[in-house]
């Protein structure tokens, strides 16, 4: 029974790994293509919801086999099975971690779309009306704040703006400060995401450089062993001493590898090439995420500059209106 679970876990692992690679391809493809389509936000969300559901089921399947695997018990004599079980458990935990990373990437796209927060738009000042609620104040006392007072309070009010009451003035100040806090928080969040993306890319590039260096060393070693009789040598169990053989029997010392030195080098090189390929996929995904985050920050800056430009235009209008009114008065 216990051995059948080990065999099942071994067979399922290959299928789960293939499913994971397919999931990575789908996520990377969606990240790249959806940003370039004219699909609505709702249509894009359906794609991400589908991938999120697929990932959730994949994790559940892997966790189900892992639970069975961790429940298996072997006697002290079954050292080989115990070691294989331990290796399989490590591989399953690694797979769950990688699936979790894909799930986090998908979740970032599934999150409710947040509109870019821009500075509070400056309304056109209407003479004789409250700047906040647009009620006529021609017959009432207008409440205003001087430029020095605005600077002290850390707010901004259009030149010539007046309010019908203290409540409207305070409400405008509150609205301005809340909007400014949201804008600053979004700017900080975007910059932190971009910095995190760049850090991740740097780390992956470093890991790929290390893997490439190790592969190059193994290739040099492989060429040396191909030309040397040492490459075909296999460690013989009978050559080991009594205590080493005893340690191997108790599972305290690794048993001799049935592969020759050349075969071991080639096997390790193959494993490192697979790792390098996976890191390449991670790098591609990180580059796409960086591009998307930079696009969002660029759009935020564009809208912010647009609002500031509108403010400058509106600020210049009252002066033109005053000048035209003075010309009309002179003609009269």
C-alpha atoms as a PDB file:
ATOM      1  CA  UNK A   1       0.000   0.000   0.000  1.00  0.00           C
ATOM      2  CA  UNK A   2       2.762   2.423   1.000  1.00  0.00           C
ATOM      3  CA  UNK A   3       4.804   1.652  -2.109  1.00  0.00           C
ATOM      4  CA  UNK A   4       1.745   2.191  -4.341  1.00  0.00           C
ATOM      5  CA  UNK A   5       1.366   5.728  -2.927  1.00  0.00           C
ATOM      6  CA  UNK A   6       5.048   6.436  -3.652  1.00  0.00           C
ATOM      7  CA  UNK A   7       4.558   5.166  -7.209  1.00  0.00           C
ATOM      8  CA  UNK A   8       1.371   7.232  -7.628  1.00  0.00           C
ATOM      9  CA  UNK A   9       3.107  10.370  -6.328  1.00  0.00           C
ATOM     10  CA  UNK A  10       6.021   9.808  -8.726  1.00  0.00           C
ATOM     11  CA  UNK A  11       3.714   9.391 -11.736  1.00  0.00           C
ATOM     12  CA  UNK A  12       1.478  12.323 -10.787  1.00  0.00           C
ATOM     13  CA  UNK A  13       4.464  14.623 -10.248  1.00  0.00           C
ATOM     14  CA  UNK A  14       5.411  14.465 -13.936  1.00  0.00           C
ATOM     15  CA  UNK A  15       1.836  15.343 -14.939  1.00  0.00           C
ATOM     16  CA  UNK A  16       1.648  18.169 -12.381  1.00  0.00           C
ATOM     17  CA  UNK A  17       4.963  19.596 -13.619  1.00  0.00           C
ATOM     18  CA  UNK A  18       3.668  19.572 -17.202  1.00  0.00           C
ATOM     19  CA  UNK A  19       0.450  21.277 -16.064  1.00  0.00           C
ATOM     20  CA  UNK A  20       2.537  23.914 -14.264  1.00  0.00           C
ATOM     21  CA  UNK A  21       4.606  24.634 -17.371  1.00  0.00           C
ATOM     22  CA  UNK A  22       1.408  25.016 -19.423  1.00  0.00           C
ATOM     23  CA  UNK A  23      -0.001  27.393 -16.784  1.00  0.00           C
ATOM     24  CA  UNK A  24       3.156  29.552 -16.910  1.00  0.00           C
ATOM     25  CA  UNK A  25       2.867  29.773 -20.698  1.00  0.00           C
ATOM     26  CA  UNK A  26      -0.802  30.797 -20.464  1.00  0.00           C
ATOM     27  CA  UNK A  27      -0.116  33.452 -17.801  1.00  0.00           C
ATOM     28  CA  UNK A  28       2.825  34.920 -19.729  1.00  0.00           C
ATOM     29  CA  UNK A  29       0.826  34.934 -22.967  1.00  0.00           C
ATOM     30  CA  UNK A  30      -2.135  36.642 -21.267  1.00  0.00           C
ATOM     31  CA  UNK A  31       0.113  39.261 -19.666  1.00  0.00           C
ATOM     32  CA  UNK A  32       1.640  40.077 -23.030  1.00  0.00           C
ATOM     33  CA  UNK A  33      -1.432  39.965 -25.277  1.00  0.00           C
ATOM     34  CA  UNK A  34      -4.229  41.392 -23.077  1.00  0.00           C
ATOM     35  CA  UNK A  35      -2.289  44.634 -22.609  1.00  0.00           C
ATOM     36  CA  UNK A  36      -2.274  45.095 -26.384  1.00  0.00           C
ATOM     37  CA  UNK A  37      -5.948  44.255 -27.109  1.00  0.00           C
ATOM     38  CA  UNK A  38      -9.063  46.433 -27.188  1.00  0.00           C
ATOM     39  CA  UNK A  39     -10.993  44.085 -24.900  1.00  0.00           C
ATOM     40  CA  UNK A  40     -13.068  45.670 -22.163  1.00  0.00           C
ATOM     41  CA  UNK A  41     -11.977  45.420 -18.528  1.00  0.00           C
ATOM     42  CA  UNK A  42     -14.794  42.902 -17.922  1.00  0.00           C
ATOM     43  CA  UNK A  43     -13.651  40.674 -20.806  1.00  0.00           C
ATOM     44  CA  UNK A  44     -10.043  40.765 -19.580  1.00  0.00           C
ATOM     45  CA  UNK A  45     -11.238  39.941 -16.084  1.00  0.00           C
ATOM     46  CA  UNK A  46     -12.990  36.794 -17.392  1.00  0.00           C
ATOM     47  CA  UNK A  47      -9.661  35.551 -18.773  1.00  0.00           C
ATOM     48  CA  UNK A  48      -7.899  36.106 -15.449  1.00  0.00           C
ATOM     49  CA  UNK A  49     -10.806  34.580 -13.482  1.00  0.00           C
ATOM     50  CA  UNK A  50     -10.516  31.439 -15.618  1.00  0.00           C
ATOM     51  CA  UNK A  51      -6.768  31.164 -14.965  1.00  0.00           C
ATOM     52  CA  UNK A  52      -7.305  31.813 -11.243  1.00  0.00           C
ATOM     53  CA  UNK A  53      -9.863  28.979 -11.055  1.00  0.00           C
ATOM     54  CA  UNK A  54      -7.537  26.629 -12.967  1.00  0.00           C
ATOM     55  CA  UNK A  55      -4.626  27.433 -10.625  1.00  0.00           C
ATOM     56  CA  UNK A  56      -6.772  26.917  -7.523  1.00  0.00           C
ATOM     57  CA  UNK A  57      -7.805  23.428  -8.688  1.00  0.00           C
ATOM     58  CA  UNK A  58      -4.191  22.585  -9.635  1.00  0.00           C
ATOM     59  CA  UNK A  59      -2.964  23.489  -6.126  1.00  0.00           C
ATOM     60  CA  UNK A  60      -5.730  21.387  -4.540  1.00  0.00           C
ATOM     61  CA  UNK A  61      -4.744  18.328  -6.613  1.00  0.00           C
ATOM     62  CA  UNK A  62      -1.066  18.676  -5.682  1.00  0.00           C
ATOM     63  CA  UNK A  63      -1.923  19.189  -1.987  1.00  0.00           C
ATOM     64  CA  UNK A  64      -4.138  16.057  -2.069  1.00  0.00           C
ATOM     65  CA  UNK A  65      -1.261  13.830  -3.238  1.00  0.00           C
ATOM     66  CA  UNK A  66       1.158  15.538  -0.829  1.00  0.00           C
ATOM     67  CA  UNK A  67      -1.187  14.807   2.094  1.00  0.00           C
ATOM     68  CA  UNK A  68      -1.238  11.102   1.185  1.00  0.00           C
ATOM     69  CA  UNK A  69       2.534  11.102   0.736  1.00  0.00           C
ATOM     70  CA  UNK A  70       3.191  12.680   4.141  1.00  0.00           C
ATOM     71  CA  UNK A  71       0.931  10.083   5.766  1.00  0.00           C
ATOM     72  CA  UNK A  72       3.058   7.166   4.510  1.00  0.00           C
ATOM     73  CA  UNK A  73       5.213   5.419   7.124  1.00  0.00           C
ATOM     74  CA  UNK A  74       8.201   3.129   6.518  1.00  0.00           C
ATOM     75  CA  UNK A  75      10.259   0.946   8.837  1.00  0.00           C
ATOM     76  CA  UNK A  76      13.938   1.668   9.491  1.00  0.00           C
ATOM     77  CA  UNK A  77      14.929  -1.121   7.093  1.00  0.00           C
ATOM     78  CA  UNK A  78      13.146   0.542   4.158  1.00  0.00           C
ATOM     79  CA  UNK A  79      15.788   3.230   3.780  1.00  0.00           C
ATOM     80  CA  UNK A  80      15.515   3.582   0.001  1.00  0.00           C
ATOM     81  CA  UNK A  81      11.740   4.130   0.098  1.00  0.00           C
ATOM     82  CA  UNK A  82      12.084   6.569   2.991  1.00  0.00           C
ATOM     83  CA  UNK A  83      14.670   8.633   1.046  1.00  0.00           C
ATOM     84  CA  UNK A  84      12.510   8.634  -2.093  1.00  0.00           C
ATOM     85  CA  UNK A  85       9.489   9.742  -0.058  1.00  0.00           C
ATOM     86  CA  UNK A  86      11.502  12.612   1.443  1.00  0.00           C
ATOM     87  CA  UNK A  87      12.701  13.753  -2.004  1.00  0.00           C
ATOM     88  CA  UNK A  88       9.171  13.600  -3.419  1.00  0.00           C
ATOM     89  CA  UNK A  89       7.806  15.656  -0.526  1.00  0.00           C
ATOM     90  CA  UNK A  90      10.435  18.343  -1.178  1.00  0.00           C
ATOM     91  CA  UNK A  91       9.538  18.401  -4.899  1.00  0.00           C
ATOM     92  CA  UNK A  92       5.814  18.687  -4.107  1.00  0.00           C
ATOM     93  CA  UNK A  93       6.420  21.580  -1.698  1.00  0.00           C
ATOM     94  CA  UNK A  94       8.532  23.301  -4.360  1.00  0.00           C
ATOM     95  CA  UNK A  95       5.746  22.835  -6.931  1.00  0.00           C
ATOM     96  CA  UNK A  96       3.109  24.260  -4.558  1.00  0.00           C
ATOM     97  CA  UNK A  97       5.330  27.278  -3.928  1.00  0.00           C
ATOM     98  CA  UNK A  98       5.727  27.903  -7.683  1.00  0.00           C
ATOM     99  CA  UNK A  99       1.989  27.497  -8.257  1.00  0.00           C
ATOM    100  CA  UNK A 100       1.409  29.993  -5.442  1.00  0.00           C
ATOM    101  CA  UNK A 101       3.661  32.505  -7.220  1.00  0.00           C
ATOM    102  CA  UNK A 102       1.586  32.136 -10.404  1.00  0.00           C
ATOM    103  CA  UNK A 103      -1.584  32.537  -8.347  1.00  0.00           C
ATOM    104  CA  UNK A 104      -0.220  35.792  -6.871  1.00  0.00           C
ATOM    105  CA  UNK A 105       0.582  37.079 -10.382  1.00  0.00           C
ATOM    106  CA  UNK A 106      -2.963  36.292 -11.529  1.00  0.00           C
ATOM    107  CA  UNK A 107      -4.460  37.899  -8.404  1.00  0.00           C
ATOM    108  CA  UNK A 108      -2.699  41.156  -9.224  1.00  0.00           C
ATOM    109  CA  UNK A 109      -4.576  41.238 -12.520  1.00  0.00           C
ATOM    110  CA  UNK A 110      -7.927  40.072 -11.073  1.00  0.00           C
ATOM    111  CA  UNK A 111      -7.999  42.783  -8.402  1.00  0.00           C
ATOM    112  CA  UNK A 112     -10.677  45.426  -8.846  1.00  0.00           C
ATOM    113  CA  UNK A 113      -9.420  48.049 -11.274  1.00  0.00           C
ATOM    114  CA  UNK A 114      -8.499  51.242  -9.414  1.00  0.00           C
ATOM    115  CA  UNK A 115      -8.803  54.499 -11.311  1.00  0.00           C
ATOM    116  CA  UNK A 116      -5.692  56.649 -11.437  1.00  0.00           C
ATOM    117  CA  UNK A 117      -5.958  59.282  -8.705  1.00  0.00           C
ATOM    118  CA  UNK A 118      -5.167  62.761  -9.978  1.00  0.00           C
ATOM    119  CA  UNK A 119      -4.930  66.072  -8.091  1.00  0.00           C
ATOM    120  CA  UNK A 120      -8.275  67.693  -7.254  1.00  0.00           C
ATOM    121  CA  UNK A 121      -9.511  69.456 -10.374  1.00  0.00           C
ATOM    122  CA  UNK A 122      -9.757  73.218 -10.027  1.00  0.00           C
ATOM    123  CA  UNK A 123     -13.205  74.495 -10.992  1.00  0.00           C
ATOM    124  CA  UNK A 124     -13.750  77.772 -12.744  1.00  0.00           C
ATOM    125  CA  UNK A 125     -14.414  80.565 -10.233  1.00  0.00           C
ATOM    126  CA  UNK A 126     -17.945  81.996 -10.622  1.00  0.00           C
ATOM    127  CA  UNK A 127     -18.229  85.472  -9.227  1.00  0.00           C
ATOM    128  CA  UNK A 128     -20.993  85.720  -6.581  1.00  0.00           C
ATOM    129  CA  UNK A 129     -21.279  81.926  -6.113  1.00  0.00           C
ATOM    130  CA  UNK A 130     -19.893  79.469  -3.520  1.00  0.00           C
ATOM    131  CA  UNK A 131     -16.849  77.664  -4.888  1.00  0.00           C
ATOM    132  CA  UNK A 132     -17.905  74.408  -3.171  1.00  0.00           C
ATOM    133  CA  UNK A 133     -21.706  74.160  -3.525  1.00  0.00           C
ATOM    134  CA  UNK A 134     -22.450  76.801  -6.233  1.00  0.00           C
ATOM    135  CA  UNK A 135     -25.031  78.649  -4.083  1.00  0.00           C
ATOM    136  CA  UNK A 136     -25.386  82.379  -4.737  1.00  0.00           C
ATOM    137  CA  UNK A 137     -23.606  84.466  -2.085  1.00  0.00           C
ATOM    138  CA  UNK A 138     -24.045  87.944  -3.563  1.00  0.00           C
ATOM    139  CA  UNK A 139     -26.117  89.043  -0.561  1.00  0.00           C
ATOM    140  CA  UNK A 140     -24.067  87.132   2.032  1.00  0.00           C
ATOM    141  CA  UNK A 141     -20.614  87.407   3.588  1.00  0.00           C
ATOM    142  CA  UNK A 142     -18.042  85.498   1.480  1.00  0.00           C
ATOM    143  CA  UNK A 143     -15.546  83.263   3.312  1.00  0.00           C
ATOM    144  CA  UNK A 144     -12.028  83.248   1.834  1.00  0.00           C
ATOM    145  CA  UNK A 145      -8.486  82.136   2.616  1.00  0.00           C
ATOM    146  CA  UNK A 146      -5.430  84.206   1.807  1.00  0.00           C
ATOM    147  CA  UNK A 147      -2.499  82.665  -0.090  1.00  0.00           C
ATOM    148  CA  UNK A 148      -0.370  82.732   3.090  1.00  0.00           C
ATOM    149  CA  UNK A 149      -3.095  80.848   4.983  1.00  0.00           C
ATOM    150  CA  UNK A 150      -3.387  78.280   2.191  1.00  0.00           C
ATOM    151  CA  UNK A 151       0.373  77.669   2.279  1.00  0.00           C
ATOM    152  CA  UNK A 152       0.273  77.255   6.049  1.00  0.00           C
ATOM    153  CA  UNK A 153      -2.601  74.747   5.863  1.00  0.00           C
ATOM    154  CA  UNK A 154      -1.045  72.908   2.908  1.00  0.00           C
ATOM    155  CA  UNK A 155      -4.031  73.346   0.589  1.00  0.00           C
ATOM    156  CA  UNK A 156      -4.706  75.115  -2.685  1.00  0.00           C
ATOM    157  CA  UNK A 157      -7.756  77.238  -3.615  1.00  0.00           C
ATOM    158  CA  UNK A 158      -8.333  78.961  -6.936  1.00  0.00           C
ATOM    159  CA  UNK A 159      -7.653  82.686  -6.962  1.00  0.00           C
ATOM    160  CA  UNK A 160     -10.849  84.674  -6.271  1.00  0.00           C
ATOM    161  CA  UNK A 161     -12.751  81.670  -4.886  1.00  0.00           C
ATOM    162  CA  UNK A 162     -15.191  82.338  -2.038  1.00  0.00           C
ATOM    163  CA  UNK A 163     -17.479  80.144   0.088  1.00  0.00           C
ATOM    164  CA  UNK A 164     -20.985  80.608   1.425  1.00  0.00           C
ATOM    165  CA  UNK A 165     -20.171  79.219   4.884  1.00  0.00           C
ATOM    166  CA  UNK A 166     -17.397  77.968   7.108  1.00  0.00           C
ATOM    167  CA  UNK A 167     -18.730  74.427   6.550  1.00  0.00           C
ATOM    168  CA  UNK A 168     -18.249  74.647   2.758  1.00  0.00           C
ATOM    169  CA  UNK A 169     -14.756  76.084   3.224  1.00  0.00           C
ATOM    170  CA  UNK A 170     -13.803  73.265   5.615  1.00  0.00           C
ATOM    171  CA  UNK A 171     -15.369  70.637   3.326  1.00  0.00           C
ATOM    172  CA  UNK A 172     -13.280  71.893   0.399  1.00  0.00           C
ATOM    173  CA  UNK A 173     -10.103  71.749   2.527  1.00  0.00           C
ATOM    174  CA  UNK A 174     -10.981  68.221   3.656  1.00  0.00           C
ATOM    175  CA  UNK A 175     -11.697  67.069   0.083  1.00  0.00           C
ATOM    176  CA  UNK A 176      -8.411  68.582  -1.143  1.00  0.00           C
ATOM    177  CA  UNK A 177      -6.344  66.908   1.601  1.00  0.00           C
ATOM    178  CA  UNK A 178      -8.037  63.498   1.159  1.00  0.00           C
ATOM    179  CA  UNK A 179      -7.485  63.602  -2.595  1.00  0.00           C
ATOM    180  CA  UNK A 180      -3.859  64.608  -2.131  1.00  0.00           C
ATOM    181  CA  UNK A 181      -3.274  61.744   0.329  1.00  0.00           C
ATOM    182  CA  UNK A 182      -4.742  59.236  -2.124  1.00  0.00           C
ATOM    183  CA  UNK A 183      -2.634  60.643  -4.958  1.00  0.00           C
ATOM    184  CA  UNK A 184       0.560  60.450  -2.916  1.00  0.00           C
ATOM    185  CA  UNK A 185      -0.272  56.925  -1.708  1.00  0.00           C
ATOM    186  CA  UNK A 186      -0.833  55.729  -5.282  1.00  0.00           C
ATOM    187  CA  UNK A 187       2.395  57.336  -6.470  1.00  0.00           C
ATOM    188  CA  UNK A 188       4.294  55.643  -3.640  1.00  0.00           C
ATOM    189  CA  UNK A 189       2.642  52.268  -4.365  1.00  0.00           C
ATOM    190  CA  UNK A 190       3.466  52.454  -8.086  1.00  0.00           C
ATOM    191  CA  UNK A 191       7.103  53.349  -7.422  1.00  0.00           C
ATOM    192  CA  UNK A 192       7.437  50.534  -4.868  1.00  0.00           C
ATOM    193  CA  UNK A 193       6.021  48.026  -7.385  1.00  0.00           C
ATOM    194  CA  UNK A 194       8.440  49.188 -10.077  1.00  0.00           C
ATOM    195  CA  UNK A 195      11.365  48.983  -7.629  1.00  0.00           C
ATOM    196  CA  UNK A 196      10.258  45.482  -6.585  1.00  0.00           C
ATOM    197  CA  UNK A 197       9.980  44.371 -10.231  1.00  0.00           C
ATOM    198  CA  UNK A 198      13.493  45.690 -10.960  1.00  0.00           C
ATOM    199  CA  UNK A 199      14.862  43.962  -7.862  1.00  0.00           C
ATOM    200  CA  UNK A 200      13.287  40.666  -8.937  1.00  0.00           C
ATOM    201  CA  UNK A 201      14.724  41.010 -12.460  1.00  0.00           C
ATOM    202  CA  UNK A 202      18.183  41.723 -11.013  1.00  0.00           C
ATOM    203  CA  UNK A 203      17.974  38.640  -8.756  1.00  0.00           C
ATOM    204  CA  UNK A 204      16.827  36.363 -11.602  1.00  0.00           C
ATOM    205  CA  UNK A 205      19.581  37.649 -13.900  1.00  0.00           C
ATOM    206  CA  UNK A 206      22.120  36.941 -11.151  1.00  0.00           C
ATOM    207  CA  UNK A 207      20.769  33.405 -10.685  1.00  0.00           C
ATOM    208  CA  UNK A 208      20.880  32.812 -14.450  1.00  0.00           C
ATOM    209  CA  UNK A 209      24.486  34.022 -14.576  1.00  0.00           C
ATOM    210  CA  UNK A 210      25.427  31.599 -11.747  1.00  0.00           C
ATOM    211  CA  UNK A 211      23.663  28.688 -13.481  1.00  0.00           C
ATOM    212  CA  UNK A 212      25.370  29.513 -16.779  1.00  0.00           C
ATOM    213  CA  UNK A 213      28.776  29.569 -15.055  1.00  0.00           C
ATOM    214  CA  UNK A 214      28.107  26.174 -13.414  1.00  0.00           C
ATOM    215  CA  UNK A 215      26.973  24.690 -16.742  1.00  0.00           C
ATOM    216  CA  UNK A 216      30.140  25.995 -18.436  1.00  0.00           C
ATOM    217  CA  UNK A 217      32.296  24.385 -15.722  1.00  0.00           C
ATOM    218  CA  UNK A 218      30.430  21.076 -16.157  1.00  0.00           C
ATOM    219  CA  UNK A 219      30.916  21.228 -19.926  1.00  0.00           C
ATOM    220  CA  UNK A 220      34.677  21.674 -19.421  1.00  0.00           C
ATOM    221  CA  UNK A 221      34.660  18.774 -16.956  1.00  0.00           C
ATOM    222  CA  UNK A 222      32.625  16.686 -19.426  1.00  0.00           C
ATOM    223  CA  UNK A 223      35.210  17.261 -22.186  1.00  0.00           C
ATOM    224  CA  UNK A 224      38.006  16.282 -19.795  1.00  0.00           C
ATOM    225  CA  UNK A 225      36.244  13.057 -18.738  1.00  0.00           C
ATOM    226  CA  UNK A 226      35.473  12.133 -22.375  1.00  0.00           C
ATOM    227  CA  UNK A 227      39.232  12.065 -23.026  1.00  0.00           C
ATOM    228  CA  UNK A 228      40.126  10.317 -19.762  1.00  0.00           C
ATOM    229  CA  UNK A 229      39.647   6.665 -18.650  1.00  0.00           C
ATOM    230  CA  UNK A 230      38.463   8.101 -15.324  1.00  0.00           C
ATOM    231  CA  UNK A 231      35.172   9.117 -16.963  1.00  0.00           C
ATOM    232  CA  UNK A 232      33.883   5.523 -17.277  1.00  0.00           C
ATOM    233  CA  UNK A 233      34.781   4.542 -13.703  1.00  0.00           C
ATOM    234  CA  UNK A 234      31.898   3.527 -11.400  1.00  0.00           C
ATOM    235  CA  UNK A 235      32.167   3.399  -7.622  1.00  0.00           C
ATOM    236  CA  UNK A 236      32.067  -0.245  -6.532  1.00  0.00           C
ATOM    237  CA  UNK A 237      30.295  -1.212  -3.274  1.00  0.00           C
ATOM    238  CA  UNK A 238      32.933  -3.828  -2.489  1.00  0.00           C
ATOM    239  CA  UNK A 239      35.619  -1.137  -2.412  1.00  0.00           C
ATOM    240  CA  UNK A 240      33.973   0.550   0.571  1.00  0.00           C
ATOM    241  CA  UNK A 241      35.192  -0.175   4.112  1.00  0.00           C
ATOM    242  CA  UNK A 242      33.197  -2.054   6.779  1.00  0.00           C
ATOM    243  CA  UNK A 243      31.967   1.071   8.626  1.00  0.00           C
ATOM    244  CA  UNK A 244      31.007   2.788   5.368  1.00  0.00           C
ATOM    245  CA  UNK A 245      28.963  -0.262   4.310  1.00  0.00           C
ATOM    246  CA  UNK A 246      27.327  -0.339   7.748  1.00  0.00           C
ATOM    247  CA  UNK A 247      26.487   3.364   7.496  1.00  0.00           C
ATOM    248  CA  UNK A 248      24.990   2.794   4.045  1.00  0.00           C
ATOM    249  CA  UNK A 249      22.844  -0.051   5.388  1.00  0.00           C
ATOM    250  CA  UNK A 250      21.554   2.132   8.245  1.00  0.00           C
ATOM    251  CA  UNK A 251      20.838   4.996   5.867  1.00  0.00           C
ATOM    252  CA  UNK A 252      23.432   7.281   7.502  1.00  0.00           C
ATOM    253  CA  UNK A 253      25.729   7.310   4.461  1.00  0.00           C
ATOM    254  CA  UNK A 254      24.696   7.629   0.810  1.00  0.00           C
ATOM    255  CA  UNK A 255      24.993   4.489  -1.254  1.00  0.00           C
ATOM    256  CA  UNK A 256      27.424   4.449  -4.194  1.00  0.00           C
ATOM    257  CA  UNK A 257      26.114   6.060  -7.347  1.00  0.00           C
ATOM    258  CA  UNK A 258      25.615   3.439 -10.114  1.00  0.00           C
ATOM    259  CA  UNK A 259      26.480   6.085 -12.726  1.00  0.00           C
ATOM    260  CA  UNK A 260      29.971   6.750 -13.998  1.00  0.00           C
ATOM    261  CA  UNK A 261      31.617  10.119 -13.393  1.00  0.00           C
ATOM    262  CA  UNK A 262      30.904  11.202 -16.961  1.00  0.00           C
ATOM    263  CA  UNK A 263      27.231  10.163 -16.678  1.00  0.00           C
ATOM    264  CA  UNK A 264      26.875  12.040 -13.372  1.00  0.00           C
ATOM    265  CA  UNK A 265      28.306  15.218 -14.921  1.00  0.00           C
ATOM    266  CA  UNK A 266      25.942  14.955 -17.887  1.00  0.00           C
ATOM    267  CA  UNK A 267      22.950  14.316 -15.625  1.00  0.00           C
ATOM    268  CA  UNK A 268      23.777  17.336 -13.434  1.00  0.00           C
ATOM    269  CA  UNK A 269      24.313  19.514 -16.509  1.00  0.00           C
ATOM    270  CA  UNK A 270      20.882  18.491 -17.824  1.00  0.00           C
ATOM    271  CA  UNK A 271      19.238  19.381 -14.501  1.00  0.00           C
ATOM    272  CA  UNK A 272      20.932  22.788 -14.463  1.00  0.00           C
ATOM    273  CA  UNK A 273      19.810  23.467 -18.060  1.00  0.00           C
ATOM    274  CA  UNK A 274      16.195  22.794 -16.997  1.00  0.00           C
ATOM    275  CA  UNK A 275      16.621  25.235 -14.087  1.00  0.00           C
ATOM    276  CA  UNK A 276      18.091  27.833 -16.455  1.00  0.00           C
ATOM    277  CA  UNK A 277      15.097  27.452 -18.793  1.00  0.00           C
ATOM    278  CA  UNK A 278      12.682  27.973 -15.887  1.00  0.00           C
ATOM    279  CA  UNK A 279      14.577  31.086 -14.779  1.00  0.00           C
ATOM    280  CA  UNK A 280      14.298  32.393 -18.341  1.00  0.00           C
ATOM    281  CA  UNK A 281      10.502  32.029 -18.128  1.00  0.00           C
ATOM    282  CA  UNK A 282      10.481  33.828 -14.754  1.00  0.00           C
ATOM    283  CA  UNK A 283      12.573  36.634 -16.235  1.00  0.00           C
ATOM    284  CA  UNK A 284      10.172  37.023 -19.164  1.00  0.00           C
ATOM    285  CA  UNK A 285       7.195  37.289 -16.800  1.00  0.00           C
ATOM    286  CA  UNK A 286       8.981  39.797 -14.533  1.00  0.00           C
ATOM    287  CA  UNK A 287       9.839  41.972 -17.543  1.00  0.00           C
ATOM    288  CA  UNK A 288       6.172  41.994 -18.608  1.00  0.00           C
ATOM    289  CA  UNK A 289       5.037  42.953 -15.080  1.00  0.00           C
ATOM    290  CA  UNK A 290       7.610  45.751 -14.987  1.00  0.00           C
ATOM    291  CA  UNK A 291       6.350  47.057 -18.333  1.00  0.00           C
ATOM    292  CA  UNK A 292       2.721  47.051 -17.096  1.00  0.00           C
ATOM    293  CA  UNK A 293       3.594  48.823 -13.829  1.00  0.00           C
ATOM    294  CA  UNK A 294       5.655  51.445 -15.685  1.00  0.00           C
ATOM    295  CA  UNK A 295       2.745  52.021 -18.082  1.00  0.00           C
ATOM    296  CA  UNK A 296       0.398  52.645 -15.149  1.00  0.00           C
ATOM    297  CA  UNK A 297       2.800  55.144 -13.559  1.00  0.00           C
ATOM    298  CA  UNK A 298       3.289  56.867 -16.912  1.00  0.00           C
ATOM    299  CA  UNK A 299      -0.498  57.197 -17.326  1.00  0.00           C
ATOM    300  CA  UNK A 300      -0.796  58.578 -13.786  1.00  0.00           C
ATOM    301  CA  UNK A 301       1.812  61.245 -14.549  1.00  0.00           C
ATOM    302  CA  UNK A 302       0.142  62.100 -17.864  1.00  0.00           C
ATOM    303  CA  UNK A 303      -3.257  62.656 -16.212  1.00  0.00           C
ATOM    304  CA  UNK A 304      -1.649  64.621 -13.393  1.00  0.00           C
ATOM    305  CA  UNK A 305       0.095  66.926 -15.859  1.00  0.00           C
ATOM    306  CA  UNK A 306      -3.186  67.319 -17.762  1.00  0.00           C
ATOM    307  CA  UNK A 307      -5.001  68.443 -14.600  1.00  0.00           C
ATOM    308  CA  UNK A 308      -2.207  70.861 -13.691  1.00  0.00           C
ATOM    309  CA  UNK A 309      -2.364  72.323 -17.209  1.00  0.00           C
ATOM    310  CA  UNK A 310      -6.125  72.833 -16.809  1.00  0.00           C
ATOM    311  CA  UNK A 311      -5.474  74.585 -13.496  1.00  0.00           C
ATOM    312  CA  UNK A 312      -3.082  77.023 -15.132  1.00  0.00           C
ATOM    313  CA  UNK A 313      -5.610  77.749 -17.905  1.00  0.00           C
ATOM    314  CA  UNK A 314      -8.421  78.367 -15.425  1.00  0.00           C
ATOM    315  CA  UNK A 315      -6.150  80.516 -13.256  1.00  0.00           C
ATOM    316  CA  UNK A 316      -5.502  82.807 -16.231  1.00  0.00           C
ATOM    317  CA  UNK A 317      -9.192  83.222 -17.133  1.00  0.00           C
ATOM    318  CA  UNK A 318     -10.294  85.468 -14.236  1.00  0.00           C
ATOM    319  CA  UNK A 319      -7.616  88.019 -15.135  1.00  0.00           C
ATOM    320  CA  UNK A 320      -8.884  88.111 -18.732  1.00  0.00           C
ATOM    321  CA  UNK A 321     -12.470  88.485 -17.520  1.00  0.00           C
ATOM    322  CA  UNK A 322     -11.497  91.324 -15.170  1.00  0.00           C
ATOM    323  CA  UNK A 323      -9.646  93.087 -17.985  1.00  0.00           C
ATOM    324  CA  UNK A 324     -12.649  92.814 -20.332  1.00  0.00           C
ATOM    325  CA  UNK A 325     -15.008  94.062 -17.626  1.00  0.00           C
ATOM    326  CA  UNK A 326     -12.791  97.111 -17.045  1.00  0.00           C
ATOM    327  CA  UNK A 327     -12.834  97.875 -20.809  1.00  0.00           C
ATOM    328  CA  UNK A 328     -16.636  97.711 -20.836  1.00  0.00           C
ATOM    329  CA  UNK A 329     -16.780 100.047 -17.792  1.00  0.00           C
ATOM    330  CA  UNK A 330     -14.452 102.559 -19.501  1.00  0.00           C
ATOM    331  CA  UNK A 331     -16.613 102.576 -22.653  1.00  0.00           C
ATOM    332  CA  UNK A 332     -19.711 103.279 -20.549  1.00  0.00           C
END
